[in-house]
PDB file of all heavy atoms in Angstrom:
ATOM      1  N   MET A   1       0.832  -1.192  -0.032  1.00  0.00           N
ATOM      2  CA  MET A   1      -0.022   0.050  -0.045  1.00  0.00           C
ATOM      3  C   MET A   1       0.895   1.341  -0.030  1.00  0.00           C
ATOM      4  O   MET A   1       1.903   1.283   0.713  1.00  0.00           O
ATOM      5  CB  MET A   1      -0.867   0.020   1.220  1.00  0.00           C
ATOM      6  CG  MET A   1      -1.793   1.337   1.340  1.00  0.00           C
ATOM      7  SD  MET A   1      -2.866   1.207   2.969  1.00  0.00           S
ATOM      8  CE  MET A   1      -3.841  -0.265   2.562  1.00  0.00           C
ATOM      9  N   ALA A   2       0.475   2.265  -0.808  1.00  0.00           N
ATOM     10  CA  ALA A   2       1.204   3.512  -0.820  1.00  0.00           C
ATOM     11  C   ALA A   2       1.190   4.216   0.597  1.00  0.00           C
ATOM     12  O   ALA A   2       0.332   3.850   1.422  1.00  0.00           O
ATOM     13  CB  ALA A   2       0.610   4.497  -1.823  1.00  0.00           C
ATOM     14  N   ASP A   3       2.055   5.080   0.858  1.00  0.00           N
ATOM     15  CA  ASP A   3       2.203   5.791   2.102  1.00  0.00           C
ATOM     16  C   ASP A   3       1.080   6.923   2.102  1.00  0.00           C
ATOM     17  O   ASP A   3       1.149   7.949   1.539  1.00  0.00           O
ATOM     18  CB  ASP A   3       3.604   6.482   2.187  1.00  0.00           C
ATOM     19  CG  ASP A   3       3.584   7.244   3.526  1.00  0.00           C
ATOM     20  OD1 ASP A   3       2.698   7.281   4.379  1.00  0.00           O
ATOM     21  OD2 ASP A   3       4.726   7.776   3.814  1.00  0.00           O
ATOM     22  N   LEU A   4      -0.148   6.464   2.713  1.00  0.00           N
ATOM     23  CA  LEU A   4      -1.201   7.396   2.713  1.00  0.00           C
ATOM     24  C   LEU A   4      -0.993   8.563   3.686  1.00  0.00           C
ATOM     25  O   LEU A   4      -1.806   9.574   3.686  1.00  0.00           O
ATOM     26  CB  LEU A   4      -2.549   6.520   3.192  1.00  0.00           C
ATOM     27  CG  LEU A   4      -2.920   5.568   2.131  1.00  0.00           C
ATOM     28  CD1 LEU A   4      -4.129   4.760   2.630  1.00  0.00           C
ATOM     29  CD2 LEU A   4      -3.106   6.016   0.777  1.00  0.00           C
ATOM     30  N   GLY A   5       0.066   8.567   4.437  1.00  0.00           N
ATOM     31  CA  GLY A   5       0.362   9.723   5.216  1.00  0.00           C
ATOM     32  C   GLY A   5       0.838  10.798   4.330  1.00  0.00           C
ATOM     33  O   GLY A   5       0.867  12.044   4.548  1.00  0.00           O
ATOM     34  N   GLU A   6       1.132  10.519   2.993  1.00  0.00           N
ATOM     35  CA  GLU A   6       1.573  11.559   2.053  1.00  0.00           C
ATOM     36  C   GLU A   6       0.360  11.962   1.238  1.00  0.00           C
ATOM     37  O   GLU A   6       0.460  12.614   0.177  1.00  0.00           O
ATOM     38  CB  GLU A   6       2.625  11.069   1.072  1.00  0.00           C
ATOM     39  CG  GLU A   6       3.871  10.714   1.848  1.00  0.00           C
ATOM     40  CD  GLU A   6       4.439  11.842   2.592  1.00  0.00           C
ATOM     41  OE1 GLU A   6       4.410  12.966   1.893  1.00  0.00           O
ATOM     42  OE2 GLU A   6       4.910  11.666   3.580  1.00  0.00           O
ATOM     43  N   ALA A   7      -0.818  11.577   1.622  1.00  0.00           N
ATOM     44  CA  ALA A   7      -2.168  12.077   1.038  1.00  0.00           C
ATOM     45  C   ALA A   7      -2.486  11.534  -0.315  1.00  0.00           C
ATOM     46  O   ALA A   7      -3.156  12.154  -1.072  1.00  0.00           O
ATOM     47  CB  ALA A   7      -2.161  13.637   1.069  1.00  0.00           C
ATOM     48  N   LEU A   8      -1.827  10.416  -0.661  1.00  0.00           N
ATOM     49  CA  LEU A   8      -2.185   9.848  -1.867  1.00  0.00           C
ATOM     50  C   LEU A   8      -3.637   9.354  -1.753  1.00  0.00           C
ATOM     51  O   LEU A   8      -4.238   9.077  -0.798  1.00  0.00           O
ATOM     52  CB  LEU A   8      -1.285   8.633  -2.347  1.00  0.00           C
ATOM     53  CG  LEU A   8       0.161   8.907  -2.498  1.00  0.00           C
ATOM     54  CD1 LEU A   8       0.932   7.729  -2.775  1.00  0.00           C
ATOM     55  CD2 LEU A   8       0.299   9.995  -3.613  1.00  0.00           C
ATOM     56  N   ALA A   9      -4.427   9.208  -2.938  1.00  0.00           N
ATOM     57  CA  ALA A   9      -5.721   8.893  -2.879  1.00  0.00           C
ATOM     58  C   ALA A   9      -5.969   7.465  -2.199  1.00  0.00           C
ATOM     59  O   ALA A   9      -5.467   6.509  -2.823  1.00  0.00           O
ATOM     60  CB  ALA A   9      -6.469   8.874  -4.210  1.00  0.00           C
ATOM     61  N   PRO A  10      -6.826   7.329  -1.109  1.00  0.00           N
ATOM     62  CA  PRO A  10      -7.033   6.132  -0.600  1.00  0.00           C
ATOM     63  C   PRO A  10      -8.147   5.281  -1.377  1.00  0.00           C
ATOM     64  O   PRO A  10      -8.815   5.917  -2.063  1.00  0.00           O
ATOM     65  CB  PRO A  10      -7.513   6.373   0.859  1.00  0.00           C
ATOM     66  CG  PRO A  10      -8.057   7.778   0.736  1.00  0.00           C
ATOM     67  CD  PRO A  10      -7.308   8.457  -0.414  1.00  0.00           C
ATOM     68  N   ALA A  11      -8.244   4.047  -1.037  1.00  0.00           N
ATOM     69  CA  ALA A  11      -9.263   3.258  -1.719  1.00  0.00           C
ATOM     70  C   ALA A  11     -10.596   3.385  -0.802  1.00  0.00           C
ATOM     71  O   ALA A  11     -11.642   3.478  -1.345  1.00  0.00           O
ATOM     72  CB  ALA A  11      -8.932   1.807  -1.723  1.00  0.00           C
ATOM     73  N   ARG A  12     -10.421   3.519   0.409  1.00  0.00           N
ATOM     74  CA  ARG A  12     -11.629   3.481   1.356  1.00  0.00           C
ATOM     75  C   ARG A  12     -11.287   4.441   2.560  1.00  0.00           C
ATOM     76  O   ARG A  12     -10.238   4.423   3.108  1.00  0.00           O
ATOM     77  CB  ARG A  12     -11.976   2.115   1.897  1.00  0.00           C
ATOM     78  CG  ARG A  12     -12.567   1.149   0.885  1.00  0.00           C
ATOM     79  CD  ARG A  12     -12.793  -0.172   1.427  1.00  0.00           C
ATOM     80  NE  ARG A  12     -11.649  -0.769   2.116  1.00  0.00           N
ATOM     81  CZ  ARG A  12     -10.662  -1.375   1.462  1.00  0.00           C
ATOM     82  NH1 ARG A  12     -10.807  -1.480   0.178  1.00  0.00           N
ATOM     83  NH2 ARG A  12      -9.577  -1.847   2.000  1.00  0.00           N
ATOM     84  N   VAL A  13     -12.365   5.249   2.895  1.00  0.00           N
ATOM     85  CA  VAL A  13     -12.215   6.195   4.031  1.00  0.00           C
ATOM     86  C   VAL A  13     -13.444   6.131   4.846  1.00  0.00           C
ATOM     87  O   VAL A  13     -14.585   6.053   4.313  1.00  0.00           O
ATOM     88  CB  VAL A  13     -12.031   7.608   3.519  1.00  0.00           C
ATOM     89  CG1 VAL A  13     -12.013   8.623   4.631  1.00  0.00           C
ATOM     90  CG2 VAL A  13     -10.742   7.752   2.655  1.00  0.00           C
ATOM     91  N   LEU A  14     -13.314   6.179   6.082  1.00  0.00           N
ATOM     92  CA  LEU A  14     -14.494   6.379   7.074  1.00  0.00           C
ATOM     93  C   LEU A  14     -14.216   7.687   7.782  1.00  0.00           C
ATOM     94  O   LEU A  14     -13.219   7.850   8.355  1.00  0.00           O
ATOM     95  CB  LEU A  14     -14.557   5.281   8.115  1.00  0.00           C
ATOM     96  CG  LEU A  14     -15.687   5.420   9.072  1.00  0.00           C
ATOM     97  CD1 LEU A  14     -16.993   5.375   8.508  1.00  0.00           C
ATOM     98  CD2 LEU A  14     -15.580   4.360  10.227  1.00  0.00           C
ATOM     99  N   ALA A  15     -15.133   8.634   7.588  1.00  0.00           N
ATOM    100  CA  ALA A  15     -15.043   9.907   8.161  1.00  0.00           C
ATOM    101  C   ALA A  15     -16.108  10.029   9.284  1.00  0.00           C
ATOM    102  O   ALA A  15     -17.335   9.719   9.154  1.00  0.00           O
ATOM    103  CB  ALA A  15     -15.379  11.080   7.195  1.00  0.00           C
ATOM    104  N   VAL A  16     -15.672  10.232  10.557  1.00  0.00           N
ATOM    105  CA  VAL A  16     -16.547  10.379  11.757  1.00  0.00           C
ATOM    106  C   VAL A  16     -16.682  11.693  12.236  1.00  0.00           C
ATOM    107  O   VAL A  16     -15.668  12.542  12.328  1.00  0.00           O
ATOM    108  CB  VAL A  16     -15.981   9.395  12.839  1.00  0.00           C
ATOM    109  CG1 VAL A  16     -16.890   9.348  13.963  1.00  0.00           C
ATOM    110  CG2 VAL A  16     -15.710   8.003  12.216  1.00  0.00           C
ATOM    111  N   ALA A  17     -17.827  12.068  12.592  1.00  0.00           N
ATOM    112  CA  ALA A  17     -18.127  13.522  13.119  1.00  0.00           C
ATOM    113  C   ALA A  17     -19.085  13.444  14.253  1.00  0.00           C
ATOM    114  O   ALA A  17     -19.894  12.490  14.366  1.00  0.00           O
ATOM    115  CB  ALA A  17     -18.748  14.291  12.011  1.00  0.00           C
ATOM    116  N   ALA A  18     -19.107  14.418  15.124  1.00  0.00           N
ATOM    117  CA  ALA A  18     -20.053  14.535  16.217  1.00  0.00           C
ATOM    118  C   ALA A  18     -21.393  14.978  15.601  1.00  0.00           C
ATOM    119  O   ALA A  18     -22.440  14.447  16.058  1.00  0.00           O
ATOM    120  CB  ALA A  18     -19.626  15.624  17.248  1.00  0.00           C
ATOM    121  N   HIS A  19     -21.463  15.965  14.671  1.00  0.00           N
ATOM    122  CA  HIS A  19     -22.694  16.505  14.256  1.00  0.00           C
ATOM    123  C   HIS A  19     -22.793  16.536  12.817  1.00  0.00           C
ATOM    124  O   HIS A  19     -21.791  16.543  11.996  1.00  0.00           O
ATOM    125  CB  HIS A  19     -22.918  17.961  14.842  1.00  0.00           C
ATOM    126  CG  HIS A  19     -22.610  18.120  16.200  1.00  0.00           C
ATOM    127  ND1 HIS A  19     -21.420  18.769  16.614  1.00  0.00           N
ATOM    128  CD2 HIS A  19     -23.328  17.847  17.314  1.00  0.00           C
ATOM    129  CE1 HIS A  19     -21.451  18.824  17.952  1.00  0.00           C
ATOM    130  NE2 HIS A  19     -22.610  18.252  18.444  1.00  0.00           N
ATOM    131  N   PRO A  20     -24.000  16.511  12.157  1.00  0.00           N
ATOM    132  CA  PRO A  20     -24.163  16.881  10.814  1.00  0.00           C
ATOM    133  C   PRO A  20     -23.554  18.257  10.596  1.00  0.00           C
ATOM    134  O   PRO A  20     -23.793  19.097  11.363  1.00  0.00           O
ATOM    135  CB  PRO A  20     -25.686  16.915  10.560  1.00  0.00           C
ATOM    136  CG  PRO A  20     -26.191  16.091  11.706  1.00  0.00           C
ATOM    137  CD  PRO A  20     -25.315  16.300  12.923  1.00  0.00           C
ATOM    138  N   ASP A  21     -22.780  18.434   9.584  1.00  0.00           N
ATOM    139  CA  ASP A  21     -22.034  19.576   9.027  1.00  0.00           C
ATOM    140  C   ASP A  21     -20.551  19.637   9.509  1.00  0.00           C
ATOM    141  O   ASP A  21     -19.698  20.421   8.901  1.00  0.00           O
ATOM    142  CB  ASP A  21     -22.700  20.898   9.226  1.00  0.00           C
ATOM    143  CG  ASP A  21     -22.579  21.453  10.604  1.00  0.00           C
ATOM    144  OD1 ASP A  21     -21.811  21.133  11.476  1.00  0.00           O
ATOM    145  OD2 ASP A  21     -23.345  22.524  10.800  1.00  0.00           O
ATOM    146  N   ASP A  22     -20.208  18.874  10.541  1.00  0.00           N
ATOM    147  CA  ASP A  22     -18.806  18.934  11.020  1.00  0.00           C
ATOM    148  C   ASP A  22     -17.789  18.498   9.982  1.00  0.00           C
ATOM    149  O   ASP A  22     -16.882  19.213   9.676  1.00  0.00           O
ATOM    150  CB  ASP A  22     -18.566  18.038  12.198  1.00  0.00           C
ATOM    151  CG  ASP A  22     -19.246  18.582  13.436  1.00  0.00           C
ATOM    152  OD1 ASP A  22     -19.414  19.769  13.578  1.00  0.00           O
ATOM    153  OD2 ASP A  22     -19.550  17.797  14.429  1.00  0.00           O
ATOM    154  N   ILE A  23     -18.050  17.387   9.128  1.00  0.00           N
ATOM    155  CA  ILE A  23     -17.196  16.990   8.075  1.00  0.00           C
ATOM    156  C   ILE A  23     -17.039  18.023   7.129  1.00  0.00           C
ATOM    157  O   ILE A  23     -16.020  18.219   6.511  1.00  0.00           O
ATOM    158  CB  ILE A  23     -17.694  15.571   7.556  1.00  0.00           C
ATOM    159  CG1 ILE A  23     -17.606  14.536   8.732  1.00  0.00           C
ATOM    160  CG2 ILE A  23     -16.878  15.152   6.370  1.00  0.00           C
ATOM    161  CD1 ILE A  23     -18.332  13.206   8.302  1.00  0.00           C
ATOM    162  N   ASP A  24     -18.197  18.557   6.712  1.00  0.00           N
ATOM    163  CA  ASP A  24     -18.211  19.518   5.617  1.00  0.00           C
ATOM    164  C   ASP A  24     -17.443  20.798   5.892  1.00  0.00           C
ATOM    165  O   ASP A  24     -16.707  21.249   5.068  1.00  0.00           O
ATOM    166  CB  ASP A  24     -19.679  19.975   5.286  1.00  0.00           C
ATOM    167  CG  ASP A  24     -20.513  18.705   5.012  1.00  0.00           C
ATOM    168  OD1 ASP A  24     -20.249  18.123   3.919  1.00  0.00           O
ATOM    169  OD2 ASP A  24     -21.321  18.396   5.841  1.00  0.00           O
TER     170      ASP A  24
END
C-alpha cells in the first residue's frame, strides 16, 4: 500500500463526526 500519510488517494475512507455539518 502507498504511504497514505503522504495524502495519496486512498481506496476507502471512514469519516466520523459529532454532528451533521462537522465533516463539511
